[in-house]
Protein backbone atom coordinates (compact mmCIF):
# COMPACT_ATOMS: atom_id res chain seq x y z
CA MET A 1 -5.60 -24.97 39.08
CA SER A 2 -3.02 -22.85 40.91
CA PHE A 3 -1.79 -19.52 39.58
CA LYS A 4 1.75 -20.90 39.20
CA ARG A 5 0.44 -23.97 37.30
CA SER A 6 -1.52 -21.67 34.99
CA ILE A 7 1.60 -19.67 34.26
CA LEU A 8 3.63 -22.85 33.60
CA GLU A 9 1.01 -24.25 31.15
CA LEU A 10 0.59 -20.85 29.43
CA ALA A 11 4.40 -20.54 29.02
CA SER A 12 4.54 -24.02 27.45
CA SER A 13 1.92 -22.95 24.94
CA ILE A 14 4.19 -20.26 23.46
CA SER A 15 5.67 -21.74 20.30
CA THR A 16 9.08 -19.98 20.57
CA GLN A 17 9.52 -21.12 24.18
CA GLU A 18 10.89 -17.57 24.87
CA PHE A 19 8.69 -15.04 26.59
CA THR A 20 8.61 -11.95 28.82
CA VAL A 21 6.65 -11.25 31.93
CA GLU A 22 4.32 -9.09 29.82
CA ASP A 23 3.68 -11.90 27.38
CA ILE A 24 2.63 -14.23 30.23
CA ARG A 25 0.62 -11.46 31.99
CA LYS A 26 -1.44 -10.92 28.80
CA LEU A 27 -2.20 -14.63 28.60
CA VAL A 28 -3.00 -14.92 32.33
CA GLN A 29 -5.31 -11.92 32.17
CA GLU A 30 -7.77 -13.95 30.18
CA ASP A 31 -8.06 -16.53 32.96
CA PHE A 32 -8.13 -13.99 35.79
CA PRO A 33 -10.14 -11.03 34.48
CA ARG A 34 -11.09 -9.72 37.86
CA LEU A 35 -7.58 -8.91 39.04
CA LYS A 36 -6.48 -5.33 38.62
CA ALA A 37 -3.76 -4.85 36.09
CA SER A 38 -1.11 -3.78 38.64
CA ASP A 39 -1.97 -6.71 40.97
CA LEU A 40 -1.92 -9.16 38.05
CA HIS A 41 1.49 -7.92 36.84
CA ALA A 42 2.95 -8.21 40.37
CA LYS A 43 1.45 -11.63 41.00
CA THR A 44 2.62 -12.88 37.53
CA TYR A 45 6.16 -11.63 38.15
CA LYS A 46 6.31 -13.16 41.63
CA ALA A 47 5.00 -16.52 40.40
CA MET A 48 7.48 -16.51 37.56
CA TRP A 49 10.30 -15.72 39.95
CA VAL A 50 9.29 -18.61 42.20
CA LEU A 51 9.15 -20.88 39.20
CA LYS A 52 12.65 -19.76 38.31
CA GLN A 53 13.82 -20.50 41.84
CA GLU A 54 12.23 -23.95 41.63
CA GLY A 55 14.09 -24.68 38.33
CA PHE A 56 11.20 -24.41 35.94
CA PHE A 57 12.25 -21.13 34.17
CA THR A 58 15.51 -19.48 33.24
CA CYS A 59 15.81 -15.74 33.00
CA GLU A 60 18.39 -13.73 31.01
CA PRO A 61 18.65 -10.13 29.83
CA SER A 62 17.21 -9.75 26.37
CA GLY A 63 19.65 -7.17 25.08
CA GLU A 64 16.78 -4.76 24.42
CA GLY A 65 17.16 -2.98 27.70
CA ARG A 66 18.35 -3.51 31.19
CA ARG A 67 14.94 -4.34 32.63
CA LEU A 68 13.53 -6.42 29.83
CA LYS A 69 14.32 -10.13 30.45
CA LYS A 70 13.89 -13.16 28.24
CA TRP A 71 12.39 -16.12 30.04
CA THR A 72 12.51 -19.76 28.87
CA LEU A 73 11.28 -23.11 30.05
CA THR A 74 13.76 -25.56 31.45
CA PRO A 75 13.79 -29.27 30.56
CA LYS A 76 12.38 -29.87 34.09
CA ALA A 77 9.33 -27.72 33.25
CA CYS A 78 8.80 -29.48 29.90
CA SER A 79 8.86 -32.94 31.53
CA VAL A 80 6.47 -31.90 34.31
CA ILE A 81 4.06 -30.42 31.79
CA GLU A 82 4.22 -33.53 29.56
CA SER A 83 3.69 -35.95 32.47
CA THR A 84 0.76 -34.04 33.86
CA SER A 85 -1.07 -33.06 30.70
CA PRO A 86 -4.56 -34.48 30.22
CA GLU A 87 -3.33 -36.29 27.17
CA ALA A 88 -0.59 -38.03 29.21
CA GLN A 89 -3.13 -38.88 31.92
CA VAL A 90 -5.49 -40.37 29.39
CA SER A 91 -2.64 -42.29 27.81
CA ASN A 92 -1.43 -43.62 31.11
CA VAL A 93 -4.91 -44.59 32.19
CA SER A 94 -5.76 -46.31 28.92
CA HIS A 95 -2.51 -48.21 28.64
CA GLN A 96 -2.35 -49.27 32.24
CA GLU A 97 -5.86 -50.26 33.08
CA GLY A 98 -7.84 -50.53 29.93
CA MET A 99 -10.84 -48.97 28.32
CA THR A 100 -13.05 -49.14 31.43
CA ASP A 101 -10.81 -46.75 33.28
CA LEU A 102 -10.61 -44.47 30.28
CA ILE A 103 -14.39 -44.23 30.17
CA SER A 104 -14.45 -43.54 33.94
CA TYR A 105 -11.87 -40.84 33.52
CA LEU A 106 -13.77 -39.22 30.67
CA LYS A 107 -17.09 -39.38 32.65
CA GLY A 108 -15.25 -37.70 35.58
CA ARG A 109 -14.02 -34.90 33.28
CA LEU A 110 -17.53 -34.54 31.85
CA SER A 111 -18.85 -34.18 35.35
CA ASP A 112 -16.21 -31.60 36.24
CA PHE A 113 -16.99 -29.61 33.12
CA SER A 114 -20.71 -29.85 33.81
CA ALA A 115 -20.23 -28.42 37.25
CA GLN A 116 -18.11 -25.57 35.89
CA LEU A 117 -20.75 -24.85 33.23
CA ALA A 118 -23.46 -24.73 35.94
CA ILE A 119 -21.39 -22.23 37.94
CA LEU A 120 -20.76 -20.08 34.85
CA SER A 121 -24.41 -20.23 33.84
CA ALA A 122 -25.43 -18.95 37.25
CA GLU A 123 -22.79 -16.26 37.01
CA VAL A 124 -24.03 -15.16 33.60
CA GLN A 125 -27.58 -15.08 34.85
CA GLN A 126 -26.54 -12.99 37.91
CA TYR A 127 -24.82 -10.40 35.69
CA HIS A 128 -27.89 -10.28 33.52
CA ASP A 129 -30.15 -9.81 36.55
CA LEU A 130 -27.89 -7.11 38.03
CA SER A 131 -27.84 -5.25 34.69
CA LYS A 132 -31.65 -5.22 34.60
CA GLU A 133 -31.94 -4.24 38.26
CA PHE A 134 -29.31 -1.56 38.08
CA PRO A 135 -29.14 -0.23 34.47
CA ASN A 136 -26.45 2.31 35.32
CA LEU A 137 -24.15 -0.61 36.34
CA SER A 138 -24.70 -2.39 33.02
CA PRO A 139 -21.79 -0.86 31.09
CA LYS A 140 -19.36 -1.83 33.86
CA LEU A 141 -20.71 -5.38 33.97
CA ASN A 142 -20.73 -5.90 30.21
CA THR A 143 -17.06 -6.96 29.93
CA ILE A 144 -17.20 -9.58 32.68
CA PHE A 145 -20.64 -10.64 31.50
CA GLN A 146 -19.21 -11.32 28.02
CA GLU A 147 -16.14 -13.15 29.44
CA ALA A 148 -18.35 -15.45 31.53
CA LYS A 149 -20.50 -16.20 28.46
CA GLN A 150 -17.37 -17.05 26.44
CA LYS A 151 -16.02 -19.35 29.14
CA ALA A 152 -19.47 -21.12 29.26
CA VAL A 153 -19.22 -21.71 25.52
CA VAL A 154 -15.74 -23.21 26.00
CA TYR A 155 -17.07 -25.63 28.62
CA GLN A 156 -19.97 -26.56 26.40
CA GLY A 157 -17.49 -27.35 23.66
CA ARG A 158 -15.38 -29.46 25.97
CA MET A 159 -18.40 -31.37 27.15
CA ARG A 160 -19.53 -31.98 23.58
CA ALA A 161 -16.09 -33.31 22.68
CA ILE A 162 -16.03 -35.72 25.60
CA GLU A 163 -19.63 -36.84 24.88
CA ASN A 164 -18.72 -37.52 21.24
CA THR A 165 -15.60 -39.43 22.34
CA LEU A 166 -17.61 -41.51 24.75
CA SER A 167 -20.10 -42.32 21.99
CA GLU A 168 -17.26 -43.44 19.66
CA ILE A 169 -15.73 -45.58 22.35
CA GLU A 170 -18.99 -47.23 23.21
CA ARG A 171 -19.77 -48.15 19.58
């Protein structure tokens, strides 16, 4: 997923539909933990500005200061997010081509998540190996080691949900 797409989806997850660059940066930081804070802030701002130019965001002064701006999603952004969400894709697939295509779609997602889990598992193992090989490096690796483990758990949960769904469909 592209950085801009990540920002668009994260912005849509904010219940008030109003946010600042800092709000989005904090959310993006979880998905891009290896970027330095200054680089992440600049990249987030640039991506949000491009999304504004493309008609996905509006930006107005918040009244709390000259530099602090309130950003909102436009109707264009909402329709793009709705039409490309996994739920909409599943709905379109199931309504258009039946249950067989839904099962194929879910199996494809399961395969994608399985591949991501394999990559994350290798990453976790490498951090563990590096920590053992270089104990002085261990404190610096601990944060990204923990983040990789948490992401692996998320993928395991997604896989389990799809497996359970497939089981229910095939009954």
